[in-house]
């Protein structure tokens, strides 16, 4: 390892452990960032943390991969006509009976 790289690793470690929030505090911000646009201060906190924490970057990549896979799966579940799959009349009746039992 060269000198600059060792200094960079030490600086990243110091920033991560002494100045930024813990990963457990960042996980909800990561999830929120997938749902909606974050306010500026939360975006900055997230970007700084992702800059120094490779584990959270991997976590974000995994979430993005799962979201893409689920969207792909959802897109392929439509019929050829473009309609959503529908339940059979028998399945609808079973659900209707079960809901009526719960309400009573």
N, C-alpha and C. Protein backbone atom coordinates (compact mmCIF):
# COMPACT_ATOMS: atom_id res chain seq x y z
N UNK A 1 0.84 -1.19 0.00
CA UNK A 1 0.00 0.00 0.00
C UNK A 1 0.88 1.25 0.00
N UNK A 2 0.47 2.20 -0.78
CA UNK A 2 1.25 3.43 -0.78
C UNK A 2 0.79 4.35 0.36
N UNK A 3 1.56 5.36 0.59
CA UNK A 3 1.32 6.26 1.72
C UNK A 3 -0.02 6.97 1.62
N UNK A 4 -0.36 7.50 0.43
CA UNK A 4 -1.61 8.25 0.26
C UNK A 4 -2.82 7.36 0.53
N UNK A 5 -2.76 6.12 0.09
CA UNK A 5 -3.88 5.21 0.32
C UNK A 5 -4.05 4.91 1.81
N UNK A 6 -2.95 4.72 2.52
CA UNK A 6 -3.05 4.47 3.98
C UNK A 6 -3.66 5.67 4.69
N UNK A 7 -3.25 6.88 4.29
CA UNK A 7 -3.81 8.10 4.88
C UNK A 7 -5.30 8.18 4.58
N UNK A 8 -5.67 7.88 3.34
CA UNK A 8 -7.09 7.92 2.93
C UNK A 8 -7.91 6.94 3.77
N UNK A 9 -7.41 5.74 3.97
CA UNK A 9 -8.15 4.75 4.77
C UNK A 9 -8.31 5.22 6.22
N UNK A 10 -7.26 5.79 6.77
CA UNK A 10 -7.34 6.29 8.15
C UNK A 10 -8.33 7.44 8.25
N UNK A 11 -8.32 8.33 7.26
CA UNK A 11 -9.26 9.45 7.25
C UNK A 11 -10.70 8.95 7.14
N UNK A 12 -10.93 8.01 6.24
CA UNK A 12 -12.29 7.44 6.11
C UNK A 12 -12.74 6.81 7.42
N UNK A 13 -11.84 6.06 8.06
CA UNK A 13 -12.17 5.41 9.33
C UNK A 13 -12.50 6.46 10.39
N UNK A 14 -11.72 7.51 10.47
CA UNK A 14 -11.96 8.56 11.46
C UNK A 14 -13.30 9.25 11.21
N UNK A 15 -13.56 9.59 9.94
CA UNK A 15 -14.82 10.25 9.60
C UNK A 15 -16.00 9.36 9.95
N UNK A 16 -15.91 8.10 9.57
CA UNK A 16 -17.01 7.17 9.80
C UNK A 16 -17.30 6.98 11.28
N UNK A 17 -16.26 6.82 12.06
CA UNK A 17 -16.47 6.49 13.47
C UNK A 17 -16.61 7.69 14.40
N UNK A 18 -16.13 8.83 13.98
CA UNK A 18 -16.16 9.97 14.89
C UNK A 18 -17.09 11.10 14.48
N UNK A 19 -17.39 11.22 13.21
CA UNK A 19 -18.12 12.40 12.76
C UNK A 19 -19.48 12.12 12.14
N UNK A 20 -19.69 10.95 11.60
CA UNK A 20 -20.94 10.66 10.93
C UNK A 20 -21.84 9.78 11.78
N UNK A 21 -23.09 9.72 11.39
CA UNK A 21 -24.03 8.88 12.09
C UNK A 21 -23.71 7.42 11.88
N UNK A 22 -24.19 6.59 12.80
CA UNK A 22 -23.98 5.15 12.70
C UNK A 22 -24.84 4.57 11.57
N UNK A 23 -24.44 3.42 11.08
CA UNK A 23 -25.17 2.78 9.99
C UNK A 23 -26.63 2.53 10.37
N UNK A 24 -26.87 2.18 11.61
CA UNK A 24 -28.26 1.91 12.04
C UNK A 24 -29.13 3.17 11.95
N UNK A 25 -28.50 4.34 11.99
CA UNK A 25 -29.24 5.59 11.82
C UNK A 25 -29.43 5.95 10.35
N UNK A 26 -28.57 5.41 9.49
CA UNK A 26 -28.62 5.72 8.07
C UNK A 26 -29.60 4.82 7.32
N UNK A 27 -29.79 3.60 7.80
CA UNK A 27 -30.68 2.64 7.11
C UNK A 27 -32.08 3.22 6.86
N UNK A 28 -32.74 3.85 7.85
CA UNK A 28 -34.05 4.44 7.54
C UNK A 28 -33.97 5.55 6.50
N UNK A 29 -32.89 6.29 6.47
CA UNK A 29 -32.73 7.35 5.47
C UNK A 29 -32.56 6.73 4.08
N UNK A 30 -31.83 5.62 4.00
CA UNK A 30 -31.69 4.92 2.72
C UNK A 30 -33.05 4.46 2.22
N UNK A 31 -33.83 3.86 3.11
CA UNK A 31 -35.16 3.39 2.72
C UNK A 31 -36.05 4.55 2.29
N UNK A 32 -35.99 5.63 3.04
CA UNK A 32 -36.79 6.81 2.70
C UNK A 32 -36.38 7.40 1.35
N UNK A 33 -35.08 7.33 1.05
CA UNK A 33 -34.61 7.88 -0.23
C UNK A 33 -35.15 7.10 -1.41
N UNK A 34 -35.49 5.84 -1.21
CA UNK A 34 -36.07 5.04 -2.28
C UNK A 34 -37.54 5.37 -2.49
N UNK A 35 -38.18 5.88 -1.45
CA UNK A 35 -39.61 6.18 -1.52
C UNK A 35 -39.92 7.58 -2.04
N UNK A 36 -39.08 8.55 -1.66
CA UNK A 36 -39.37 9.93 -2.02
C UNK A 36 -38.07 10.73 -2.07
N UNK A 37 -38.16 11.93 -2.57
CA UNK A 37 -37.01 12.82 -2.60
C UNK A 37 -36.73 13.33 -1.19
N UNK A 38 -35.48 13.29 -0.79
CA UNK A 38 -35.11 13.72 0.56
C UNK A 38 -34.86 15.22 0.62
N UNK A 39 -35.10 15.82 1.79
CA UNK A 39 -34.68 17.22 1.98
C UNK A 39 -33.15 17.31 1.89
N UNK A 40 -32.66 18.48 1.64
CA UNK A 40 -31.24 18.69 1.40
C UNK A 40 -30.36 18.17 2.54
N UNK A 41 -30.70 18.49 3.78
CA UNK A 41 -29.83 18.09 4.89
C UNK A 41 -29.76 16.57 5.02
N UNK A 42 -30.86 15.85 4.77
CA UNK A 42 -30.84 14.38 4.84
C UNK A 42 -30.08 13.79 3.65
N UNK A 43 -30.17 14.43 2.49
CA UNK A 43 -29.41 13.97 1.32
C UNK A 43 -27.92 14.10 1.58
N UNK A 44 -27.52 15.21 2.19
CA UNK A 44 -26.10 15.44 2.49
C UNK A 44 -25.61 14.40 3.49
N UNK A 45 -26.38 14.16 4.53
CA UNK A 45 -26.00 13.15 5.53
C UNK A 45 -25.83 11.79 4.86
N UNK A 46 -26.78 11.43 4.01
CA UNK A 46 -26.72 10.15 3.33
C UNK A 46 -25.51 10.06 2.40
N UNK A 47 -25.30 11.09 1.58
CA UNK A 47 -24.19 11.07 0.63
C UNK A 47 -22.84 11.00 1.35
N UNK A 48 -22.69 11.75 2.43
CA UNK A 48 -21.43 11.70 3.18
C UNK A 48 -21.19 10.32 3.77
N UNK A 49 -22.24 9.73 4.31
CA UNK A 49 -22.10 8.40 4.89
C UNK A 49 -21.76 7.38 3.81
N UNK A 50 -22.45 7.45 2.67
CA UNK A 50 -22.18 6.50 1.59
C UNK A 50 -20.77 6.68 1.02
N UNK A 51 -20.25 7.89 1.14
CA UNK A 51 -18.90 8.17 0.66
C UNK A 51 -17.85 7.39 1.43
N UNK A 52 -18.10 7.15 2.72
CA UNK A 52 -17.10 6.49 3.55
C UNK A 52 -17.47 5.08 3.97
N UNK A 53 -18.71 4.67 3.79
CA UNK A 53 -19.15 3.37 4.30
C UNK A 53 -19.51 2.43 3.15
N UNK A 54 -18.63 1.50 2.88
CA UNK A 54 -18.87 0.57 1.78
C UNK A 54 -20.00 -0.41 2.09
N UNK A 55 -20.22 -0.71 3.35
CA UNK A 55 -21.30 -1.64 3.70
C UNK A 55 -22.67 -1.05 3.41
N UNK A 56 -22.84 0.21 3.67
CA UNK A 56 -24.12 0.85 3.37
C UNK A 56 -24.32 1.01 1.85
N UNK A 57 -23.22 1.19 1.14
CA UNK A 57 -23.32 1.24 -0.33
C UNK A 57 -23.79 -0.11 -0.84
N UNK A 58 -23.24 -1.19 -0.30
CA UNK A 58 -23.69 -2.54 -0.70
C UNK A 58 -25.15 -2.75 -0.34
N UNK A 59 -25.56 -2.28 0.84
CA UNK A 59 -26.96 -2.40 1.25
C UNK A 59 -27.88 -1.65 0.29
N UNK A 60 -27.50 -0.44 -0.10
CA UNK A 60 -28.30 0.34 -1.04
C UNK A 60 -28.38 -0.37 -2.39
N UNK A 61 -27.27 -0.91 -2.85
CA UNK A 61 -27.27 -1.65 -4.13
C UNK A 61 -28.20 -2.86 -4.06
N UNK A 62 -28.19 -3.56 -2.92
CA UNK A 62 -29.08 -4.72 -2.76
C UNK A 62 -30.54 -4.29 -2.81
N UNK A 63 -30.86 -3.19 -2.14
CA UNK A 63 -32.24 -2.69 -2.17
C UNK A 63 -32.65 -2.31 -3.59
N UNK A 64 -31.76 -1.65 -4.31
CA UNK A 64 -32.07 -1.26 -5.68
C UNK A 64 -32.24 -2.49 -6.58
N UNK A 65 -31.42 -3.51 -6.35
CA UNK A 65 -31.54 -4.75 -7.12
C UNK A 65 -32.87 -5.45 -6.84
N UNK A 66 -33.25 -5.50 -5.55
CA UNK A 66 -34.54 -6.12 -5.20
C UNK A 66 -35.71 -5.35 -5.80
N UNK A 67 -35.63 -4.03 -5.75
CA UNK A 67 -36.71 -3.21 -6.31
C UNK A 67 -36.83 -3.43 -7.81
N UNK A 68 -35.70 -3.49 -8.50
CA UNK A 68 -35.72 -3.73 -9.94
C UNK A 68 -36.26 -5.11 -10.26
N UNK A 69 -35.88 -6.11 -9.46
CA UNK A 69 -36.37 -7.47 -9.70
C UNK A 69 -37.87 -7.56 -9.47
N UNK A 70 -38.35 -6.91 -8.42
CA UNK A 70 -39.79 -6.93 -8.14
C UNK A 70 -40.58 -6.19 -9.20
N UNK A 71 -40.03 -5.09 -9.68
CA UNK A 71 -40.72 -4.35 -10.75
C UNK A 71 -40.76 -5.18 -12.04
N UNK A 72 -39.68 -5.87 -12.33
CA UNK A 72 -39.65 -6.73 -13.51
C UNK A 72 -40.66 -7.86 -13.37
N UNK A 73 -40.70 -8.46 -12.20
CA UNK A 73 -41.66 -9.54 -11.96
C UNK A 73 -43.08 -9.03 -12.06
N UNK A 74 -43.34 -7.86 -11.50
CA UNK A 74 -44.68 -7.29 -11.57
C UNK A 74 -45.07 -6.98 -13.01
N UNK A 75 -44.11 -6.53 -13.80
CA UNK A 75 -44.40 -6.20 -15.19
C UNK A 75 -44.70 -7.45 -16.02
N UNK A 76 -44.13 -8.58 -15.65
CA UNK A 76 -44.34 -9.81 -16.41
C UNK A 76 -45.57 -10.58 -15.96
N UNK A 77 -46.22 -10.14 -14.89
CA UNK A 77 -47.41 -10.86 -14.42
C UNK A 77 -48.68 -10.42 -15.13
N UNK A 78 -48.59 -9.40 -15.96
CA UNK A 78 -49.75 -8.97 -16.73
C UNK A 78 -50.04 -9.97 -17.84
N UNK A 79 -51.31 -10.09 -18.19
CA UNK A 79 -51.69 -10.94 -19.32
C UNK A 79 -51.17 -10.35 -20.61
N UNK A 80 -51.26 -11.10 -21.67
CA UNK A 80 -50.81 -10.62 -22.97
C UNK A 80 -51.63 -9.43 -23.44
N UNK A 81 -52.88 -9.31 -22.99
CA UNK A 81 -53.72 -8.18 -23.38
C UNK A 81 -53.35 -6.91 -22.62
N UNK A 82 -52.50 -7.03 -21.62
CA UNK A 82 -52.15 -5.87 -20.82
C UNK A 82 -53.01 -5.72 -19.59
N UNK A 83 -53.94 -6.65 -19.40
CA UNK A 83 -54.80 -6.60 -18.22
C UNK A 83 -54.11 -7.29 -17.05
N UNK A 84 -54.47 -6.84 -15.86
CA UNK A 84 -53.94 -7.50 -14.69
C UNK A 84 -54.60 -8.86 -14.53
N UNK A 85 -53.88 -9.84 -13.97
CA UNK A 85 -54.50 -11.13 -13.75
C UNK A 85 -55.66 -10.99 -12.77
N UNK A 86 -56.72 -11.71 -13.00
CA UNK A 86 -57.88 -11.60 -12.12
C UNK A 86 -58.12 -12.93 -11.41
N UNK A 87 -58.85 -12.85 -10.33
CA UNK A 87 -59.18 -14.04 -9.56
C UNK A 87 -60.37 -14.75 -10.18
N UNK A 88 -60.41 -16.05 -9.94
CA UNK A 88 -61.58 -16.80 -10.40
C UNK A 88 -62.76 -16.46 -9.49
N UNK A 89 -63.95 -16.77 -9.96
CA UNK A 89 -65.16 -16.49 -9.18
C UNK A 89 -65.14 -17.28 -7.87
N UNK A 90 -64.62 -18.49 -7.91
CA UNK A 90 -64.54 -19.32 -6.69
C UNK A 90 -63.61 -18.68 -5.66
N UNK A 91 -62.46 -18.17 -6.11
CA UNK A 91 -61.52 -17.52 -5.19
C UNK A 91 -62.12 -16.25 -4.61
N UNK A 92 -62.83 -15.50 -5.41
CA UNK A 92 -63.49 -14.29 -4.90
C UNK A 92 -64.51 -14.63 -3.83
N UNK A 93 -65.26 -15.70 -4.05
CA UNK A 93 -66.28 -16.12 -3.08
C UNK A 93 -65.63 -16.55 -1.77
N UNK A 94 -64.52 -17.28 -1.83
CA UNK A 94 -63.81 -17.69 -0.60
C UNK A 94 -63.31 -16.47 0.17
N UNK A 95 -62.76 -15.50 -0.53
CA UNK A 95 -62.29 -14.28 0.13
C UNK A 95 -63.45 -13.54 0.75
N UNK A 96 -64.56 -13.45 0.04
CA UNK A 96 -65.74 -12.76 0.54
C UNK A 96 -66.25 -13.42 1.82
N UNK A 97 -66.31 -14.76 1.83
CA UNK A 97 -66.76 -15.48 3.04
C UNK A 97 -65.80 -15.25 4.20
N UNK A 98 -64.51 -15.30 3.94
CA UNK A 98 -63.52 -15.11 5.00
C UNK A 98 -63.61 -13.71 5.59
N UNK A 99 -63.81 -12.70 4.75
CA UNK A 99 -63.94 -11.34 5.26
C UNK A 99 -65.20 -11.17 6.08
N UNK A 100 -66.29 -11.80 5.68
CA UNK A 100 -67.53 -11.73 6.43
C UNK A 100 -67.38 -12.39 7.80
N UNK A 101 -66.63 -13.47 7.89
CA UNK A 101 -66.39 -14.12 9.18
C UNK A 101 -65.60 -13.21 10.11
N UNK A 102 -64.63 -12.51 9.57
CA UNK A 102 -63.79 -11.63 10.38
C UNK A 102 -64.62 -10.45 10.91
N UNK A 103 -65.52 -9.95 10.10
CA UNK A 103 -66.33 -8.79 10.50
C UNK A 103 -67.33 -9.13 11.60
N UNK A 104 -67.74 -10.40 11.66
CA UNK A 104 -68.72 -10.79 12.68
C UNK A 104 -68.09 -11.00 13.98
